[in-house]
N, C-alpha and C. Protein backbone atom coordinates (compact mmCIF):
# COMPACT_ATOMS: atom_id res chain seq x y z
N UNK A 1 163.83 39.78 51.83
CA UNK A 1 164.08 40.79 53.74
C UNK A 1 163.48 41.40 53.38
N UNK A 2 162.31 41.28 54.86
CA UNK A 2 160.97 42.79 55.21
C UNK A 2 162.36 42.80 56.43
N UNK A 3 161.36 44.15 56.82
CA UNK A 3 162.39 45.45 57.16
C UNK A 3 161.91 44.70 58.63
N UNK A 4 161.54 44.15 59.84
CA UNK A 4 161.90 44.58 61.33
C UNK A 4 162.74 43.04 61.54
N UNK A 5 163.26 41.99 60.44
CA UNK A 5 163.97 41.07 59.76
C UNK A 5 165.42 42.71 60.52
N UNK A 6 165.63 43.70 59.33
CA UNK A 6 166.98 44.22 58.54
C UNK A 6 166.81 45.37 59.89
N UNK A 7 165.60 45.07 61.07
CA UNK A 7 165.60 46.64 61.55
C UNK A 7 166.50 45.88 62.85
N UNK A 8 166.68 44.49 62.81
CA UNK A 8 166.38 42.94 64.54
C UNK A 8 168.21 43.45 64.20
N UNK A 9 168.60 42.58 63.07
CA UNK A 9 170.48 42.77 62.35
C UNK A 9 170.62 44.15 63.19
N UNK A 10 170.50 45.20 62.59
CA UNK A 10 171.18 46.65 62.65
C UNK A 10 170.72 47.01 64.11
N UNK A 11 169.93 46.57 65.09
CA UNK A 11 170.21 46.11 66.26
C UNK A 11 170.94 46.01 67.34
N UNK A 12 171.38 44.26 66.39
CA UNK A 12 172.17 43.43 66.68
C UNK A 12 173.25 43.98 66.71
N UNK A 13 173.60 44.48 65.94
CA UNK A 13 175.27 44.39 65.55
C UNK A 13 174.98 46.42 65.89
N UNK A 14 174.61 46.58 66.80
CA UNK A 14 174.67 48.36 67.30
C UNK A 14 175.27 47.82 68.88
N UNK A 15 173.95 46.92 69.28
CA UNK A 15 173.88 47.00 70.33
C UNK A 15 175.30 45.88 70.88
N UNK A 16 176.09 44.76 69.20
CA UNK A 16 177.30 44.45 69.73
C UNK A 16 178.16 45.67 70.16
N UNK A 17 178.23 46.28 69.20
CA UNK A 17 179.60 47.17 68.74
C UNK A 17 179.92 48.59 70.44
N UNK A 18 178.84 48.00 70.39
CA UNK A 18 178.68 49.42 71.53
C UNK A 18 178.65 48.12 73.31
N UNK A 19 178.84 46.81 73.47
CA UNK A 19 179.41 46.58 74.15
C UNK A 19 181.08 45.81 73.73
N UNK A 20 181.66 46.28 73.11
CA UNK A 20 183.28 46.29 72.98
C UNK A 20 183.36 47.90 72.97
N UNK A 21 182.92 48.67 72.35
CA UNK A 21 183.08 49.83 73.20
C UNK A 21 182.97 50.40 74.40
N UNK A 22 181.49 49.97 75.24
CA UNK A 22 182.18 50.04 76.51
C UNK A 22 183.00 49.05 77.06
N UNK A 23 183.45 48.19 76.66
CA UNK A 23 184.61 46.72 76.91
C UNK A 23 185.71 47.85 76.93
N UNK A 24 186.29 48.05 76.06
CA UNK A 24 186.81 49.08 75.71
C UNK A 24 188.05 49.90 76.93
N UNK A 25 186.80 50.84 76.81
CA UNK A 25 186.11 51.83 77.81
C UNK A 25 186.58 51.42 79.31
N UNK A 26 186.11 50.38 79.79
CA UNK A 26 186.44 49.90 80.96
C UNK A 26 188.34 49.22 81.03
N UNK A 27 188.28 49.28 79.59
CA UNK A 27 189.63 48.75 79.89
C UNK A 27 190.60 49.78 80.26
N UNK A 28 190.36 50.70 79.65
CA UNK A 28 191.26 52.08 79.37
C UNK A 28 191.38 52.64 80.92
N UNK A 29 190.08 53.01 81.43
CA UNK A 29 189.50 53.22 82.54
C UNK A 29 189.94 52.76 84.08
N UNK A 30 190.32 51.37 83.73
CA UNK A 30 190.59 50.01 84.15
C UNK A 30 192.26 49.80 84.11
N UNK A 31 192.60 50.38 83.28
CA UNK A 31 193.46 49.54 83.15
C UNK A 31 193.92 48.60 82.89
N UNK A 32 195.28 47.96 82.15
CA UNK A 32 195.89 46.43 81.46
C UNK A 32 195.22 45.41 82.53
N UNK A 33 195.98 46.09 83.79
CA UNK A 33 197.28 45.30 84.77
C UNK A 33 195.70 44.91 85.43
N UNK A 34 194.17 46.02 85.47
CA UNK A 34 193.21 45.28 86.09
C UNK A 34 192.88 44.07 87.05
N UNK A 35 192.51 43.05 86.57
CA UNK A 35 192.40 41.73 86.51
C UNK A 35 193.38 40.90 87.82
N UNK A 36 194.93 41.88 87.64
CA UNK A 36 196.11 41.03 88.10
C UNK A 36 196.02 41.22 89.81
N UNK A 37 195.29 42.82 90.19
CA UNK A 37 194.99 43.10 91.03
C UNK A 37 193.42 42.81 91.85
N UNK A 38 192.61 41.85 91.26
CA UNK A 38 192.03 41.34 91.66
C UNK A 38 192.41 39.43 91.46
N UNK A 39 193.05 38.94 92.09
CA UNK A 39 194.31 37.62 91.83
C UNK A 39 195.00 38.66 92.56
N UNK A 40 195.15 36.75 93.54
CA UNK A 40 196.03 36.35 94.44
C UNK A 40 196.73 37.17 94.47
N UNK A 41 198.36 37.43 95.34
CA UNK A 41 199.77 37.11 94.82
C UNK A 41 200.24 36.29 94.66
N UNK A 42 200.59 35.88 94.29
CA UNK A 42 201.76 34.62 94.20
C UNK A 42 202.85 34.65 94.86
N UNK A 43 202.74 33.42 95.09
CA UNK A 43 204.09 33.06 96.70
C UNK A 43 205.39 32.95 95.48
N UNK A 44 206.48 33.23 96.29
CA UNK A 44 208.14 33.29 95.84
C UNK A 44 207.84 31.94 94.74
N UNK A 45 208.53 32.15 93.65
CA UNK A 45 208.88 30.73 93.28
C UNK A 45 210.21 30.27 93.83
N UNK A 46 211.03 29.15 93.82
CA UNK A 46 212.10 28.37 94.67
C UNK A 46 213.10 28.65 93.05
N UNK A 47 212.40 28.42 92.05
CA UNK A 47 213.06 27.92 90.92
C UNK A 47 213.36 28.83 89.59
N UNK A 48 214.17 29.50 89.29
CA UNK A 48 214.92 30.38 88.67
C UNK A 48 216.02 30.21 87.52
N UNK A 49 215.68 31.10 86.33
CA UNK A 49 217.46 30.65 85.65
C UNK A 49 218.04 32.15 85.74
N UNK A 50 218.84 32.02 86.09
CA UNK A 50 220.04 33.35 86.04
C UNK A 50 220.53 33.30 85.06
N UNK A 51 221.23 32.62 84.56
CA UNK A 51 222.11 33.47 83.22
C UNK A 51 221.55 32.34 82.36
N UNK A 52 221.45 32.38 81.16
CA UNK A 52 221.53 31.35 79.93
C UNK A 52 223.04 32.30 79.28
N UNK A 53 223.32 31.03 78.06
CA UNK A 53 224.47 31.62 77.31
C UNK A 53 224.81 30.13 76.46
N UNK A 54 224.74 30.38 75.21
CA UNK A 54 224.50 29.90 73.75
C UNK A 54 226.16 29.18 73.44
N UNK A 55 226.33 28.33 72.99
CA UNK A 55 228.27 27.59 72.34
C UNK A 55 227.66 27.76 72.00
N UNK A 56 226.40 27.11 70.69
CA UNK A 56 225.81 26.82 68.85
C UNK A 56 225.32 26.21 69.51
N UNK A 57 224.59 25.86 68.20
CA UNK A 57 222.89 25.64 67.95
C UNK A 57 223.06 24.67 68.16
N UNK A 58 223.24 23.29 68.86
CA UNK A 58 222.94 22.15 69.95
C UNK A 58 223.32 22.58 71.69
N UNK A 59 224.30 23.38 71.96
CA UNK A 59 224.27 23.57 73.64
C UNK A 59 224.45 24.96 73.74
N UNK A 60 224.10 25.33 75.04
CA UNK A 60 223.39 25.81 76.14
C UNK A 60 224.07 25.51 78.07
N UNK A 61 224.64 26.98 77.91
CA UNK A 61 225.14 26.88 79.56
C UNK A 61 223.68 27.44 79.87
N UNK A 62 223.26 27.43 80.76
CA UNK A 62 222.11 27.65 81.94
C UNK A 62 222.44 27.61 83.32
N UNK A 63 222.17 28.84 84.11
CA UNK A 63 222.85 28.63 85.16
C UNK A 63 221.55 28.81 86.12
N UNK A 64 221.04 27.55 86.71
CA UNK A 64 219.69 27.55 87.90
C UNK A 64 220.04 27.96 89.26
N UNK A 65 219.21 28.51 89.71
CA UNK A 65 219.53 29.52 91.24
C UNK A 65 217.95 28.42 92.19
N UNK A 66 218.39 27.39 92.88
CA UNK A 66 216.96 27.31 92.89
C UNK A 66 217.46 25.83 95.12
N UNK A 67 215.81 26.91 95.87
CA UNK A 67 216.24 26.94 97.14
C UNK A 67 218.08 28.38 97.48
N UNK A 68 218.31 29.10 96.72
CA UNK A 68 219.80 30.00 97.28
C UNK A 68 220.63 29.29 96.40
N UNK A 69 221.24 28.09 96.21
CA UNK A 69 221.77 26.94 95.19
C UNK A 69 222.35 27.23 93.76
N UNK A 70 223.18 27.27 93.79
CA UNK A 70 223.27 26.89 92.54
C UNK A 70 223.69 26.44 91.66
N UNK A 71 222.56 25.35 90.27
CA UNK A 71 223.14 24.15 89.92
C UNK A 71 224.23 25.03 88.32
N UNK A 72 224.59 24.08 87.61
CA UNK A 72 224.84 24.84 86.43
C UNK A 72 224.73 23.64 85.68
N UNK A 73 224.42 24.40 83.74
CA UNK A 73 223.90 22.98 83.53
C UNK A 73 224.39 23.10 82.24
N UNK A 74 224.85 21.90 81.58
CA UNK A 74 225.37 21.65 79.50
C UNK A 74 223.83 21.52 79.24
N UNK A 75 223.29 22.30 78.55
CA UNK A 75 222.07 21.29 77.82
C UNK A 75 222.66 21.17 76.24
N UNK A 76 222.04 20.02 75.79
CA UNK A 76 222.57 19.67 73.97
C UNK A 76 221.26 18.46 73.84
N UNK A 77 221.31 18.87 72.50
CA UNK A 77 220.29 17.28 72.20
C UNK A 77 219.87 16.45 72.93
N UNK A 78 218.64 17.76 73.13
CA UNK A 78 217.91 17.52 74.01
C UNK A 78 217.69 16.68 75.96
N UNK A 79 218.76 16.37 75.60
CA UNK A 79 219.20 16.22 77.32
C UNK A 79 220.19 17.03 78.31
N UNK A 80 220.11 16.24 79.70
CA UNK A 80 221.29 17.78 79.92
C UNK A 80 222.62 16.75 79.48
N UNK A 81 223.97 17.53 79.39
CA UNK A 81 225.14 16.68 79.13
C UNK A 81 226.09 16.85 80.22
N UNK A 82 225.95 17.57 81.59
CA UNK A 82 226.86 17.80 82.04
C UNK A 82 226.38 18.60 82.82
N UNK A 83 226.73 18.60 84.52
CA UNK A 83 225.90 18.90 86.07
C UNK A 83 226.71 19.45 86.87
N UNK A 84 227.20 20.53 87.36
CA UNK A 84 227.57 21.12 88.17
C UNK A 84 226.98 22.06 89.53
N UNK A 85 228.10 22.38 90.20
CA UNK A 85 227.56 22.62 91.97
C UNK A 85 228.13 24.84 91.12
N UNK A 86 227.20 25.61 90.71
CA UNK A 86 228.30 26.91 90.91
C UNK A 86 229.29 27.76 92.00
N UNK A 87 230.05 27.98 91.88
CA UNK A 87 230.98 28.60 92.68
C UNK A 87 229.57 29.85 93.27
N UNK A 88 229.34 30.41 94.78
CA UNK A 88 228.92 31.73 95.10
C UNK A 88 230.04 32.90 94.39
N UNK A 89 228.82 33.53 93.98
CA UNK A 89 230.13 34.80 93.47
C UNK A 89 230.29 36.04 94.99
N UNK A 90 231.36 36.31 94.84
CA UNK A 90 231.50 37.41 96.03
C UNK A 90 230.92 38.67 96.40
N UNK A 91 230.39 39.07 97.10
CA UNK A 91 229.89 39.83 97.87
C UNK A 91 230.18 41.65 97.76
N UNK A 92 231.68 41.89 97.18
CA UNK A 92 232.20 42.25 97.13
C UNK A 92 232.12 42.86 96.51
């Protein structure tokens, strides 16, 4: 291995490590949520899981809210076993 080739490899390594260090400094400076601030805000979601209760290893109850209406689902064995409309909570 001749000297110019070795010098070129050392310079490439130094350049790569310098770019990684520069990226780390930029990430510390602007914070981990810098990319999130650049993106547009997401619209409010219509679907949300309100509560999840595991009954046994194969079945679980899931309370799902969609457009202000809550549905209670009994899930098990890869399918919906039962569903029903949940009664609204008392605001008191």
